[in-house]
Amino acid sequence: MKTIYLYLKNQYLYILTAVVFIIAPFTACVTYLPEIPHTQYLFLIVLVLVKLLVFNDHHRKQKLKTRVTNELTKEMGKPPSTKIIFKRNQFYLLSRDITIMLTGLYLIIFSILFNRF
């Protein structure tokens, strides 16, 4: 339960962004503009480009490290060890990747339901 809470606490902005900028426009295009071919590929390419260009792991790790350290210090009441910081940092990066994969899975499933593949 704590893992799900941490996931939602950390990823709510990513989830909201994915819904507003990828899922909702894709759903609208497939539903209301069915004559446009291959929209699912366009949105999947956009999702991959967002992952590669915007959510670059190396730069993200540097930004997350200070935030994770401060967060863990507040939780534990003392400075966390490097191992704990690394594990929490990896959890945040993995949860972001899971959000991106779930968005892609939604695109694929919705495309299959509307016979776009």
Protein backbone atom coordinates (compact mmCIF):
# COMPACT_ATOMS: atom_id res chain seq x y z
CA MET A 1 0.00 0.00 0.00
CA LYS A 2 2.86 2.34 0.82
CA THR A 3 4.40 1.63 -2.59
CA ILE A 4 1.17 2.54 -4.39
CA TYR A 5 0.90 5.74 -2.32
CA LEU A 6 4.50 6.68 -3.17
CA TYR A 7 3.87 5.91 -6.84
CA LEU A 8 0.77 8.10 -7.03
CA LYS A 9 2.33 10.84 -4.91
CA ASN A 10 5.34 11.05 -7.20
CA GLN A 11 3.65 10.40 -10.53
CA TYR A 12 0.40 12.37 -10.37
CA LEU A 13 1.81 15.18 -12.54
CA TYR A 14 3.14 12.72 -15.12
CA ILE A 15 -0.16 10.86 -15.17
CA LEU A 16 -2.12 14.10 -15.53
CA THR A 17 0.21 15.28 -18.31
CA ALA A 18 -0.12 11.97 -20.14
CA VAL A 19 -3.90 12.11 -19.91
CA VAL A 20 -4.14 15.72 -21.08
CA PHE A 21 -1.55 15.69 -23.85
CA ILE A 22 -1.54 12.09 -25.13
CA ILE A 23 -4.52 9.99 -24.04
CA ALA A 24 -7.31 12.57 -24.44
CA PRO A 25 -6.18 13.82 -27.88
CA PHE A 26 -5.66 10.25 -29.08
CA THR A 27 -9.09 9.20 -27.86
CA ALA A 28 -10.66 12.24 -29.53
CA CYS A 29 -8.84 11.57 -32.82
CA VAL A 30 -9.83 7.92 -32.92
CA THR A 31 -13.41 8.58 -31.87
CA TYR A 32 -14.28 11.71 -33.83
CA LEU A 33 -11.82 11.61 -36.75
CA PRO A 34 -11.69 7.96 -37.81
CA GLU A 35 -10.72 8.84 -41.39
CA ILE A 36 -7.22 9.95 -40.35
CA PRO A 37 -5.04 6.85 -40.88
CA HIS A 38 -2.28 5.64 -38.55
CA THR A 39 -2.86 8.10 -35.72
CA GLN A 40 -1.85 5.41 -33.25
CA TYR A 41 1.65 5.35 -34.72
CA LEU A 42 1.94 9.13 -34.46
CA PHE A 43 1.01 9.08 -30.78
CA LEU A 44 3.28 6.12 -30.04
CA ILE A 45 6.18 7.94 -31.73
CA VAL A 46 5.41 11.06 -29.70
CA LEU A 47 5.41 8.95 -26.53
CA VAL A 48 8.80 7.41 -27.40
CA LEU A 49 10.26 10.82 -28.25
CA VAL A 50 9.02 12.23 -24.95
CA LYS A 51 10.71 9.34 -23.15
CA LEU A 52 13.98 9.78 -25.01
CA LEU A 53 14.21 13.56 -25.13
CA VAL A 54 12.36 14.88 -22.11
CA PHE A 55 12.72 12.13 -19.54
CA ASN A 56 16.43 11.49 -19.98
CA ASP A 57 17.54 9.26 -17.08
CA HIS A 58 20.97 10.79 -16.54
CA HIS A 59 19.76 14.36 -16.13
CA ARG A 60 16.74 13.20 -14.17
CA LYS A 61 18.90 11.32 -11.64
CA GLN A 62 20.85 14.45 -10.83
CA LYS A 63 17.70 16.48 -10.21
CA LEU A 64 16.03 13.73 -8.21
CA LYS A 65 18.95 13.08 -5.88
CA THR A 66 18.58 16.28 -3.86
CA ARG A 67 14.78 16.00 -3.76
CA VAL A 68 14.96 12.37 -2.65
CA THR A 69 17.55 13.19 0.01
CA ASN A 70 15.38 15.95 1.45
CA GLU A 71 12.27 13.76 1.34
CA LEU A 72 13.98 10.84 3.05
CA THR A 73 15.47 13.13 5.69
CA LYS A 74 11.96 14.35 6.53
CA GLU A 75 10.61 10.78 6.63
CA MET A 76 13.42 9.25 8.67
CA GLY A 77 14.39 12.21 10.83
CA LYS A 78 18.07 11.67 10.06
CA PRO A 79 20.26 11.80 6.94
CA PRO A 80 19.65 8.69 4.80
CA SER A 81 22.36 6.35 3.61
CA THR A 82 23.53 6.35 0.00
CA LYS A 83 21.95 2.93 -0.51
CA ILE A 84 18.51 4.17 0.58
CA ILE A 85 18.83 7.27 -1.60
CA PHE A 86 19.79 5.10 -4.58
CA LYS A 87 16.85 2.71 -4.03
CA ARG A 88 14.31 5.54 -3.77
CA ASN A 89 15.81 7.27 -6.81
CA GLN A 90 15.55 4.03 -8.81
CA PHE A 91 11.95 3.60 -7.62
CA TYR A 92 11.04 7.06 -8.92
CA LEU A 93 12.69 6.44 -12.28
CA LEU A 94 11.01 3.03 -12.59
CA SER A 95 7.61 4.45 -11.68
CA ARG A 96 7.97 7.12 -14.37
CA ASP A 97 8.81 4.41 -16.90
CA ILE A 98 5.80 2.39 -15.75
CA THR A 99 3.58 5.45 -16.32
CA ILE A 100 4.94 5.80 -19.85
CA MET A 101 4.44 2.07 -20.51
CA LEU A 102 0.86 2.19 -19.22
CA THR A 103 0.15 5.13 -21.51
CA GLY A 104 1.54 3.19 -24.49
CA LEU A 105 -0.47 0.13 -23.46
CA TYR A 106 -3.62 2.26 -23.38
CA LEU A 107 -2.87 3.54 -26.88
CA ILE A 108 -2.39 0.01 -28.20
CA ILE A 109 -5.48 -1.44 -26.50
CA PHE A 110 -7.68 1.48 -27.59
CA SER A 111 -6.35 1.12 -31.15
CA ILE A 112 -7.18 -2.58 -31.16
CA LEU A 113 -10.68 -1.90 -29.84
CA PHE A 114 -11.32 0.56 -32.68
CA ASN A 115 -9.71 -1.76 -35.28
CA ARG A 116 -6.88 0.66 -36.04
CA PHE A 117 -4.19 -2.01 -36.29
